[in-house]
């Protein structure tokens, strides 16, 4: 499921879809992230 985790409405839609598909959520792994390099 496509979801930008920084957008609360997309996160809600993700959770709604997960519940609709599987009926429950037992584990959440917050792995999304990225890095930027360079001088401050």
ModelCIF file with pLDDT and N, C-alpha, C, O atoms, coordinates in Angstrom:
data_MODEL
#
_entry.id   MODEL 
#
_entity.id                         1 
_entity.type                       polymer 
_entity.pdbx_number_of_molecules   1 
#
_entity_poly.entity_id                      1 
_entity_poly.type                           'polypeptide(L)' 
_entity_poly.nstd_linkage                   no 
_entity_poly.nstd_monomer                   no 
_entity_poly.pdbx_seq_one_letter_code       
;(UNK)(UNK)(UNK)(UNK)(UNK)(UNK)(UNK)(UNK)(UNK)(UNK)(UNK)(UNK)(UNK)(UNK)(UNK)(UNK)
(UNK)(UNK)(UNK)(UNK)(UNK)(UNK)(UNK)(UNK)(UNK)(UNK)(UNK)(UNK)(UNK)(UNK)(UNK)(UNK)
(UNK)(UNK)(UNK)(UNK)(UNK)(UNK)(UNK)(UNK)
;
_entity_poly.pdbx_seq_one_letter_code_can   XXXXXXXXXXXXXXXXXXXXXXXXXXXXXXXXXXXXXXXX 
_entity_poly.pdbx_strand_id                 A 
#
loop_
_entity_poly_seq.entity_id 
_entity_poly_seq.num 
_entity_poly_seq.mon_id 
_entity_poly_seq.hetero 
1 1  UNK n 
1 2  UNK n 
1 3  UNK n 
1 4  UNK n 
1 5  UNK n 
1 6  UNK n 
1 7  UNK n 
1 8  UNK n 
1 9  UNK n 
1 10 UNK n 
1 11 UNK n 
1 12 UNK n 
1 13 UNK n 
1 14 UNK n 
1 15 UNK n 
1 16 UNK n 
1 17 UNK n 
1 18 UNK n 
1 19 UNK n 
1 20 UNK n 
1 21 UNK n 
1 22 UNK n 
1 23 UNK n 
1 24 UNK n 
1 25 UNK n 
1 26 UNK n 
1 27 UNK n 
1 28 UNK n 
1 29 UNK n 
1 30 UNK n 
1 31 UNK n 
1 32 UNK n 
1 33 UNK n 
1 34 UNK n 
1 35 UNK n 
1 36 UNK n 
1 37 UNK n 
1 38 UNK n 
1 39 UNK n 
1 40 UNK n 
#
_struct_asym.id          A 
_struct_asym.entity_id   1 
#
loop_
_ma_qa_metric.id 
_ma_qa_metric.mode 
_ma_qa_metric.name 
_ma_qa_metric.software_group_id 
_ma_qa_metric.type 
1 global pLDDT . pLDDT 
2 local  pLDDT . pLDDT 
#
_ma_qa_metric_global.metric_id      1 
_ma_qa_metric_global.metric_value   95.97 
_ma_qa_metric_global.model_id       1 
_ma_qa_metric_global.ordinal_id     1 
#
loop_
_ma_qa_metric_local.label_asym_id 
_ma_qa_metric_local.label_comp_id 
_ma_qa_metric_local.label_seq_id 
_ma_qa_metric_local.metric_id 
_ma_qa_metric_local.metric_value 
_ma_qa_metric_local.model_id 
_ma_qa_metric_local.ordinal_id 
A UNK 1  2 98.00 1 1  
A UNK 2  2 97.00 1 2  
A UNK 3  2 97.00 1 3  
A UNK 4  2 97.00 1 4  
A UNK 5  2 98.00 1 5  
A UNK 6  2 97.00 1 6  
A UNK 7  2 98.00 1 7  
A UNK 8  2 97.00 1 8  
A UNK 9  2 98.00 1 9  
A UNK 10 2 98.00 1 10 
A UNK 11 2 98.00 1 11 
A UNK 12 2 98.00 1 12 
A UNK 13 2 98.00 1 13 
A UNK 14 2 98.00 1 14 
A UNK 15 2 98.00 1 15 
A UNK 16 2 98.00 1 16 
A UNK 17 2 98.00 1 17 
A UNK 18 2 98.00 1 18 
A UNK 19 2 97.00 1 19 
A UNK 20 2 97.00 1 20 
A UNK 21 2 97.00 1 21 
A UNK 22 2 98.00 1 22 
A UNK 23 2 97.00 1 23 
A UNK 24 2 97.00 1 24 
A UNK 25 2 98.00 1 25 
A UNK 26 2 98.00 1 26 
A UNK 27 2 98.00 1 27 
A UNK 28 2 98.00 1 28 
A UNK 29 2 98.00 1 29 
A UNK 30 2 97.00 1 30 
A UNK 31 2 96.00 1 31 
A UNK 32 2 95.00 1 32 
A UNK 33 2 92.00 1 33 
A UNK 34 2 91.00 1 34 
A UNK 35 2 90.00 1 35 
A UNK 36 2 89.00 1 36 
A UNK 37 2 88.00 1 37 
A UNK 38 2 89.00 1 38 
A UNK 39 2 90.00 1 39 
A UNK 40 2 90.00 1 40 
#
loop_
_atom_site.group_PDB 
_atom_site.id 
_atom_site.type_symbol 
_atom_site.label_atom_id 
_atom_site.label_alt_id 
_atom_site.label_comp_id 
_atom_site.label_asym_id 
_atom_site.label_entity_id 
_atom_site.label_seq_id 
_atom_site.pdbx_PDB_ins_code 
_atom_site.Cartn_x 
_atom_site.Cartn_y 
_atom_site.Cartn_z 
_atom_site.occupancy 
_atom_site.B_iso_or_equiv 
_atom_site.pdbx_formal_charge 
_atom_site.auth_seq_id 
_atom_site.auth_comp_id 
_atom_site.auth_asym_id 
_atom_site.auth_atom_id 
_atom_site.pdbx_PDB_model_num 
ATOM 1   N N  . UNK A 1 1  ? 0.851   -1.190 0.000  1.00 98.00 ? 1  UNK A N  1 
ATOM 2   C CA . UNK A 1 1  ? 0.000   0.000  0.000  1.00 98.00 ? 1  UNK A CA 1 
ATOM 3   C C  . UNK A 1 1  ? 0.885   1.238  0.000  1.00 98.00 ? 1  UNK A C  1 
ATOM 4   O O  . UNK A 1 1  ? 1.773   1.387  0.839  1.00 98.00 ? 1  UNK A O  1 
ATOM 5   N N  . UNK A 1 2  ? 0.627   2.115  -0.951 1.00 97.00 ? 2  UNK A N  1 
ATOM 6   C CA . UNK A 1 2  ? 1.381   3.376  -1.034 1.00 97.00 ? 2  UNK A CA 1 
ATOM 7   C C  . UNK A 1 2  ? 0.920   4.288  0.097  1.00 97.00 ? 2  UNK A C  1 
ATOM 8   O O  . UNK A 1 2  ? -0.276  4.473  0.316  1.00 97.00 ? 2  UNK A O  1 
ATOM 9   N N  . UNK A 1 3  ? 1.907   4.860  0.819  1.00 97.00 ? 3  UNK A N  1 
ATOM 10  C CA . UNK A 1 3  ? 1.589   5.745  1.930  1.00 97.00 ? 3  UNK A CA 1 
ATOM 11  C C  . UNK A 1 3  ? 2.789   6.614  2.255  1.00 97.00 ? 3  UNK A C  1 
ATOM 12  O O  . UNK A 1 3  ? 3.894   6.114  2.466  1.00 97.00 ? 3  UNK A O  1 
ATOM 13  N N  . UNK A 1 4  ? 2.566   7.910  2.293  1.00 97.00 ? 4  UNK A N  1 
ATOM 14  C CA . UNK A 1 4  ? 3.571   8.849  2.788  1.00 97.00 ? 4  UNK A CA 1 
ATOM 15  C C  . UNK A 1 4  ? 3.323   8.980  4.289  1.00 97.00 ? 4  UNK A C  1 
ATOM 16  O O  . UNK A 1 4  ? 2.342   9.599  4.701  1.00 97.00 ? 4  UNK A O  1 
ATOM 17  N N  . UNK A 1 5  ? 4.191   8.411  5.097  1.00 98.00 ? 5  UNK A N  1 
ATOM 18  C CA . UNK A 1 5  ? 3.970   8.366  6.544  1.00 98.00 ? 5  UNK A CA 1 
ATOM 19  C C  . UNK A 1 5  ? 3.951   9.747  7.187  1.00 98.00 ? 5  UNK A C  1 
ATOM 20  O O  . UNK A 1 5  ? 3.509   9.893  8.327  1.00 98.00 ? 5  UNK A O  1 
ATOM 21  N N  . UNK A 1 6  ? 4.424   10.755 6.470  1.00 97.00 ? 6  UNK A N  1 
ATOM 22  C CA . UNK A 1 6  ? 4.397   12.113 7.027  1.00 97.00 ? 6  UNK A CA 1 
ATOM 23  C C  . UNK A 1 6  ? 3.029   12.769 6.894  1.00 97.00 ? 6  UNK A C  1 
ATOM 24  O O  . UNK A 1 6  ? 2.814   13.869 7.401  1.00 97.00 ? 6  UNK A O  1 
ATOM 25  N N  . UNK A 1 7  ? 2.102   12.097 6.212  1.00 98.00 ? 7  UNK A N  1 
ATOM 26  C CA . UNK A 1 7  ? 0.753   12.641 5.999  1.00 98.00 ? 7  UNK A CA 1 
ATOM 27  C C  . UNK A 1 7  ? -0.260  11.820 6.786  1.00 98.00 ? 7  UNK A C  1 
ATOM 28  O O  . UNK A 1 7  ? -0.501  10.651 6.485  1.00 98.00 ? 7  UNK A O  1 
ATOM 29  N N  . UNK A 1 8  ? -0.846  12.450 7.795  1.00 97.00 ? 8  UNK A N  1 
ATOM 30  C CA . UNK A 1 8  ? -1.751  11.741 8.698  1.00 97.00 ? 8  UNK A CA 1 
ATOM 31  C C  . UNK A 1 8  ? -2.930  11.100 7.980  1.00 97.00 ? 8  UNK A C  1 
ATOM 32  O O  . UNK A 1 8  ? -3.345  10.003 8.355  1.00 97.00 ? 8  UNK A O  1 
ATOM 33  N N  . UNK A 1 9  ? -3.480  11.749 6.962  1.00 98.00 ? 9  UNK A N  1 
ATOM 34  C CA . UNK A 1 9  ? -4.615  11.173 6.246  1.00 98.00 ? 9  UNK A CA 1 
ATOM 35  C C  . UNK A 1 9  ? -4.221  9.904  5.500  1.00 98.00 ? 9  UNK A C  1 
ATOM 36  O O  . UNK A 1 9  ? -5.014  8.966  5.417  1.00 98.00 ? 9  UNK A O  1 
ATOM 37  N N  . UNK A 1 10 ? -3.010  9.865  4.959  1.00 98.00 ? 10 UNK A N  1 
ATOM 38  C CA . UNK A 1 10 ? -2.545  8.657  4.276  1.00 98.00 ? 10 UNK A CA 1 
ATOM 39  C C  . UNK A 1 10 ? -2.262  7.540  5.277  1.00 98.00 ? 10 UNK A C  1 
ATOM 40  O O  . UNK A 1 10 ? -2.506  6.370  4.980  1.00 98.00 ? 10 UNK A O  1 
ATOM 41  N N  . UNK A 1 11 ? -1.754  7.882  6.451  1.00 98.00 ? 11 UNK A N  1 
ATOM 42  C CA . UNK A 1 11 ? -1.515  6.880  7.498  1.00 98.00 ? 11 UNK A CA 1 
ATOM 43  C C  . UNK A 1 11 ? -2.845  6.271  7.945  1.00 98.00 ? 11 UNK A C  1 
ATOM 44  O O  . UNK A 1 11 ? -2.946  5.057  8.119  1.00 98.00 ? 11 UNK A O  1 
ATOM 45  N N  . UNK A 1 12 ? -3.865  7.115  8.131  1.00 98.00 ? 12 UNK A N  1 
ATOM 46  C CA . UNK A 1 12 ? -5.189  6.608  8.524  1.00 98.00 ? 12 UNK A CA 1 
ATOM 47  C C  . UNK A 1 12 ? -5.733  5.673  7.450  1.00 98.00 ? 12 UNK A C  1 
ATOM 48  O O  . UNK A 1 12 ? -6.275  4.612  7.762  1.00 98.00 ? 12 UNK A O  1 
ATOM 49  N N  . UNK A 1 13 ? -5.589  6.064  6.191  1.00 98.00 ? 13 UNK A N  1 
ATOM 50  C CA . UNK A 1 13 ? -6.062  5.208  5.095  1.00 98.00 ? 13 UNK A CA 1 
ATOM 51  C C  . UNK A 1 13 ? -5.321  3.875  5.067  1.00 98.00 ? 13 UNK A C  1 
ATOM 52  O O  . UNK A 1 13 ? -5.921  2.836  4.791  1.00 98.00 ? 13 UNK A O  1 
ATOM 53  N N  . UNK A 1 14 ? -4.023  3.899  5.349  1.00 98.00 ? 14 UNK A N  1 
ATOM 54  C CA . UNK A 1 14 ? -3.229  2.669  5.418  1.00 98.00 ? 14 UNK A CA 1 
ATOM 55  C C  . UNK A 1 14 ? -3.758  1.750  6.516  1.00 98.00 ? 14 UNK A C  1 
ATOM 56  O O  . UNK A 1 14 ? -3.968  0.559  6.288  1.00 98.00 ? 14 UNK A O  1 
ATOM 57  N N  . UNK A 1 15 ? -3.969  2.306  7.699  1.00 98.00 ? 15 UNK A N  1 
ATOM 58  C CA . UNK A 1 15 ? -4.464  1.499  8.819  1.00 98.00 ? 15 UNK A CA 1 
ATOM 59  C C  . UNK A 1 15 ? -5.861  0.952  8.522  1.00 98.00 ? 15 UNK A C  1 
ATOM 60  O O  . UNK A 1 15 ? -6.152  -0.207 8.817  1.00 98.00 ? 15 UNK A O  1 
ATOM 61  N N  . UNK A 1 16 ? -6.718  1.782  7.942  1.00 98.00 ? 16 UNK A N  1 
ATOM 62  C CA . UNK A 1 16 ? -8.071  1.329  7.581  1.00 98.00 ? 16 UNK A CA 1 
ATOM 63  C C  . UNK A 1 16 ? -8.001  0.172  6.586  1.00 98.00 ? 16 UNK A C  1 
ATOM 64  O O  . UNK A 1 16 ? -8.732  -0.810 6.717  1.00 98.00 ? 16 UNK A O  1 
ATOM 65  N N  . UNK A 1 17 ? -7.116  0.290  5.588  1.00 98.00 ? 17 UNK A N  1 
ATOM 66  C CA . UNK A 1 17 ? -6.962  -0.771 4.591  1.00 98.00 ? 17 UNK A CA 1 
ATOM 67  C C  . UNK A 1 17 ? -6.413  -2.050 5.215  1.00 98.00 ? 17 UNK A C  1 
ATOM 68  O O  . UNK A 1 17 ? -6.861  -3.147 4.881  1.00 98.00 ? 17 UNK A O  1 
ATOM 69  N N  . UNK A 1 18 ? -5.453  -1.914 6.115  1.00 98.00 ? 18 UNK A N  1 
ATOM 70  C CA . UNK A 1 18 ? -4.896  -3.095 6.792  1.00 98.00 ? 18 UNK A CA 1 
ATOM 71  C C  . UNK A 1 18 ? -5.967  -3.806 7.606  1.00 98.00 ? 18 UNK A C  1 
ATOM 72  O O  . UNK A 1 18 ? -6.069  -5.032 7.577  1.00 98.00 ? 18 UNK A O  1 
ATOM 73  N N  . UNK A 1 19 ? -6.767  -3.027 8.336  1.00 97.00 ? 19 UNK A N  1 
ATOM 74  C CA . UNK A 1 19 ? -7.845  -3.627 9.138  1.00 97.00 ? 19 UNK A CA 1 
ATOM 75  C C  . UNK A 1 19 ? -8.907  -4.265 8.262  1.00 97.00 ? 19 UNK A C  1 
ATOM 76  O O  . UNK A 1 19 ? -9.407  -5.347 8.568  1.00 97.00 ? 19 UNK A O  1 
ATOM 77  N N  . UNK A 1 20 ? -9.248  -3.596 7.173  1.00 97.00 ? 20 UNK A N  1 
ATOM 78  C CA . UNK A 1 20 ? -10.260 -4.146 6.268  1.00 97.00 ? 20 UNK A CA 1 
ATOM 79  C C  . UNK A 1 20 ? -9.776  -5.450 5.640  1.00 97.00 ? 20 UNK A C  1 
ATOM 80  O O  . UNK A 1 20 ? -10.554 -6.388 5.468  1.00 97.00 ? 20 UNK A O  1 
ATOM 81  N N  . UNK A 1 21 ? -8.492  -5.504 5.299  1.00 97.00 ? 21 UNK A N  1 
ATOM 82  C CA . UNK A 1 21 ? -7.929  -6.690 4.646  1.00 97.00 ? 21 UNK A CA 1 
ATOM 83  C C  . UNK A 1 21 ? -7.711  -7.844 5.613  1.00 97.00 ? 21 UNK A C  1 
ATOM 84  O O  . UNK A 1 21 ? -8.039  -8.987 5.294  1.00 97.00 ? 21 UNK A O  1 
ATOM 85  N N  . UNK A 1 22 ? -7.158  -7.560 6.801  1.00 98.00 ? 22 UNK A N  1 
ATOM 86  C CA . UNK A 1 22 ? -6.750  -8.633 7.709  1.00 98.00 ? 22 UNK A CA 1 
ATOM 87  C C  . UNK A 1 22 ? -7.476  -8.658 9.049  1.00 98.00 ? 22 UNK A C  1 
ATOM 88  O O  . UNK A 1 22 ? -7.361  -9.637 9.787  1.00 98.00 ? 22 UNK A O  1 
ATOM 89  N N  . UNK A 1 23 ? -8.224  -7.601 9.381  1.00 97.00 ? 23 UNK A N  1 
ATOM 90  C CA . UNK A 1 23 ? -9.031  -7.608 10.605 1.00 97.00 ? 23 UNK A CA 1 
ATOM 91  C C  . UNK A 1 23 ? -8.312  -7.201 11.873 1.00 97.00 ? 23 UNK A C  1 
ATOM 92  O O  . UNK A 1 23 ? -8.951  -7.002 12.907 1.00 97.00 ? 23 UNK A O  1 
ATOM 93  N N  . UNK A 1 24 ? -6.999  -7.073 11.815 1.00 97.00 ? 24 UNK A N  1 
ATOM 94  C CA . UNK A 1 24 ? -6.240  -6.697 13.007 1.00 97.00 ? 24 UNK A CA 1 
ATOM 95  C C  . UNK A 1 24 ? -4.833  -6.266 12.617 1.00 97.00 ? 24 UNK A C  1 
ATOM 96  O O  . UNK A 1 24 ? -4.376  -6.525 11.504 1.00 97.00 ? 24 UNK A O  1 
ATOM 97  N N  . UNK A 1 25 ? -4.156  -5.605 13.547 1.00 98.00 ? 25 UNK A N  1 
ATOM 98  C CA . UNK A 1 25 ? -2.749  -5.237 13.375 1.00 98.00 ? 25 UNK A CA 1 
ATOM 99  C C  . UNK A 1 25 ? -2.046  -5.604 14.674 1.00 98.00 ? 25 UNK A C  1 
ATOM 100 O O  . UNK A 1 25 ? -2.321  -5.030 15.728 1.00 98.00 ? 25 UNK A O  1 
ATOM 101 N N  . UNK A 1 26 ? -1.146  -6.558 14.586 1.00 98.00 ? 26 UNK A N  1 
ATOM 102 C CA . UNK A 1 26 ? -0.451  -7.053 15.773 1.00 98.00 ? 26 UNK A CA 1 
ATOM 103 C C  . UNK A 1 26 ? 0.957   -6.493 15.927 1.00 98.00 ? 26 UNK A C  1 
ATOM 104 O O  . UNK A 1 26 ? 1.473   -6.376 17.038 1.00 98.00 ? 26 UNK A O  1 
ATOM 105 N N  . UNK A 1 27 ? 1.572   -6.149 14.796 1.00 98.00 ? 27 UNK A N  1 
ATOM 106 C CA . UNK A 1 27 ? 2.961   -5.703 14.795 1.00 98.00 ? 27 UNK A CA 1 
ATOM 107 C C  . UNK A 1 27 ? 3.073   -4.490 13.881 1.00 98.00 ? 27 UNK A C  1 
ATOM 108 O O  . UNK A 1 27 ? 2.547   -4.484 12.768 1.00 98.00 ? 27 UNK A O  1 
ATOM 109 N N  . UNK A 1 28 ? 3.760   -3.473 14.364 1.00 98.00 ? 28 UNK A N  1 
ATOM 110 C CA . UNK A 1 28 ? 4.100   -2.322 13.530 1.00 98.00 ? 28 UNK A CA 1 
ATOM 111 C C  . UNK A 1 28 ? 5.608   -2.157 13.571 1.00 98.00 ? 28 UNK A C  1 
ATOM 112 O O  . UNK A 1 28 ? 6.201   -2.039 14.644 1.00 98.00 ? 28 UNK A O  1 
ATOM 113 N N  . UNK A 1 29 ? 6.225   -2.150 12.399 1.00 98.00 ? 29 UNK A N  1 
ATOM 114 C CA . UNK A 1 29 ? 7.650   -1.881 12.295 1.00 98.00 ? 29 UNK A CA 1 
ATOM 115 C C  . UNK A 1 29 ? 7.811   -0.549 11.561 1.00 98.00 ? 29 UNK A C  1 
ATOM 116 O O  . UNK A 1 29 ? 7.547   -0.449 10.363 1.00 98.00 ? 29 UNK A O  1 
ATOM 117 N N  . UNK A 1 30 ? 8.244   0.462  12.295 1.00 97.00 ? 30 UNK A N  1 
ATOM 118 C CA . UNK A 1 30 ? 8.487   1.790  11.735 1.00 97.00 ? 30 UNK A CA 1 
ATOM 119 C C  . UNK A 1 30 ? 9.899   1.825  11.171 1.00 97.00 ? 30 UNK A C  1 
ATOM 120 O O  . UNK A 1 30 ? 10.859  2.140  11.875 1.00 97.00 ? 30 UNK A O  1 
ATOM 121 N N  . UNK A 1 31 ? 10.007  1.500  9.900  1.00 96.00 ? 31 UNK A N  1 
ATOM 122 C CA . UNK A 1 31 ? 11.293  1.397  9.233  1.00 96.00 ? 31 UNK A CA 1 
ATOM 123 C C  . UNK A 1 31 ? 11.513  2.510  8.205  1.00 96.00 ? 31 UNK A C  1 
ATOM 124 O O  . UNK A 1 31 ? 12.651  2.743  7.795  1.00 96.00 ? 31 UNK A O  1 
ATOM 125 N N  . UNK A 1 32 ? 10.466  3.192  7.786  1.00 95.00 ? 32 UNK A N  1 
ATOM 126 C CA . UNK A 1 32 ? 10.586  4.209  6.733  1.00 95.00 ? 32 UNK A CA 1 
ATOM 127 C C  . UNK A 1 32 ? 11.566  5.294  7.153  1.00 95.00 ? 32 UNK A C  1 
ATOM 128 O O  . UNK A 1 32 ? 11.572  5.738  8.301  1.00 95.00 ? 32 UNK A O  1 
ATOM 129 N N  . UNK A 1 33 ? 12.378  5.703  6.218  1.00 92.00 ? 33 UNK A N  1 
ATOM 130 C CA . UNK A 1 33 ? 13.325  6.772  6.488  1.00 92.00 ? 33 UNK A CA 1 
ATOM 131 C C  . UNK A 1 33 ? 14.265  6.954  5.327  1.00 92.00 ? 33 UNK A C  1 
ATOM 132 O O  . UNK A 1 33 ? 14.343  6.119  4.426  1.00 92.00 ? 33 UNK A O  1 
ATOM 133 N N  . UNK A 1 34 ? 14.981  8.063  5.362  1.00 91.00 ? 34 UNK A N  1 
ATOM 134 C CA . UNK A 1 34 ? 15.983  8.313  4.333  1.00 91.00 ? 34 UNK A CA 1 
ATOM 135 C C  . UNK A 1 34 ? 17.061  9.207  4.909  1.00 91.00 ? 34 UNK A C  1 
ATOM 136 O O  . UNK A 1 34 ? 16.889  9.814  5.966  1.00 91.00 ? 34 UNK A O  1 
ATOM 137 N N  . UNK A 1 35 ? 18.162  9.278  4.208  1.00 90.00 ? 35 UNK A N  1 
ATOM 138 C CA . UNK A 1 35 ? 19.279  10.102 4.650  1.00 90.00 ? 35 UNK A CA 1 
ATOM 139 C C  . UNK A 1 35 ? 19.624  11.162 3.617  1.00 90.00 ? 35 UNK A C  1 
ATOM 140 O O  . UNK A 1 35 ? 19.436  10.972 2.415  1.00 90.00 ? 35 UNK A O  1 
ATOM 141 N N  . UNK A 1 36 ? 20.125  12.263 4.105  1.00 89.00 ? 36 UNK A N  1 
ATOM 142 C CA . UNK A 1 36 ? 20.696  13.280 3.224  1.00 89.00 ? 36 UNK A CA 1 
ATOM 143 C C  . UNK A 1 36 ? 22.103  13.565 3.725  1.00 89.00 ? 36 UNK A C  1 
ATOM 144 O O  . UNK A 1 36 ? 22.366  13.554 4.927  1.00 89.00 ? 36 UNK A O  1 
ATOM 145 N N  . UNK A 1 37 ? 22.985  13.817 2.796  1.00 88.00 ? 37 UNK A N  1 
ATOM 146 C CA . UNK A 1 37 ? 24.383  14.057 3.160  1.00 88.00 ? 37 UNK A CA 1 
ATOM 147 C C  . UNK A 1 37 ? 24.790  15.465 2.766  1.00 88.00 ? 37 UNK A C  1 
ATOM 148 O O  . UNK A 1 37 ? 24.260  16.044 1.818  1.00 88.00 ? 37 UNK A O  1 
ATOM 149 N N  . UNK A 1 38 ? 25.727  15.994 3.501  1.00 89.00 ? 38 UNK A N  1 
ATOM 150 C CA . UNK A 1 38 ? 26.292  17.285 3.157  1.00 89.00 ? 38 UNK A CA 1 
ATOM 151 C C  . UNK A 1 38 ? 26.509  18.132 4.385  1.00 89.00 ? 38 UNK A C  1 
ATOM 152 O O  . UNK A 1 38 ? 26.027  17.830 5.476  1.00 89.00 ? 38 UNK A O  1 
ATOM 153 N N  . UNK A 1 39 ? 27.246  19.196 4.176  1.00 90.00 ? 39 UNK A N  1 
ATOM 154 C CA . UNK A 1 39 ? 27.506  20.141 5.257  1.00 90.00 ? 39 UNK A CA 1 
ATOM 155 C C  . UNK A 1 39 ? 26.208  20.844 5.642  1.00 90.00 ? 39 UNK A C  1 
ATOM 156 O O  . UNK A 1 39 ? 25.373  21.139 4.787  1.00 90.00 ? 39 UNK A O  1 
ATOM 157 N N  . UNK A 1 40 ? 26.051  21.104 6.914  1.00 90.00 ? 40 UNK A N  1 
ATOM 158 C CA . UNK A 1 40 ? 24.828  21.716 7.436  1.00 90.00 ? 40 UNK A CA 1 
ATOM 159 C C  . UNK A 1 40 ? 24.495  23.013 6.710  1.00 90.00 ? 40 UNK A C  1 
ATOM 160 O O  . UNK A 1 40 ? 23.495  23.657 7.026  1.00 90.00 ? 40 UNK A O  1 
#
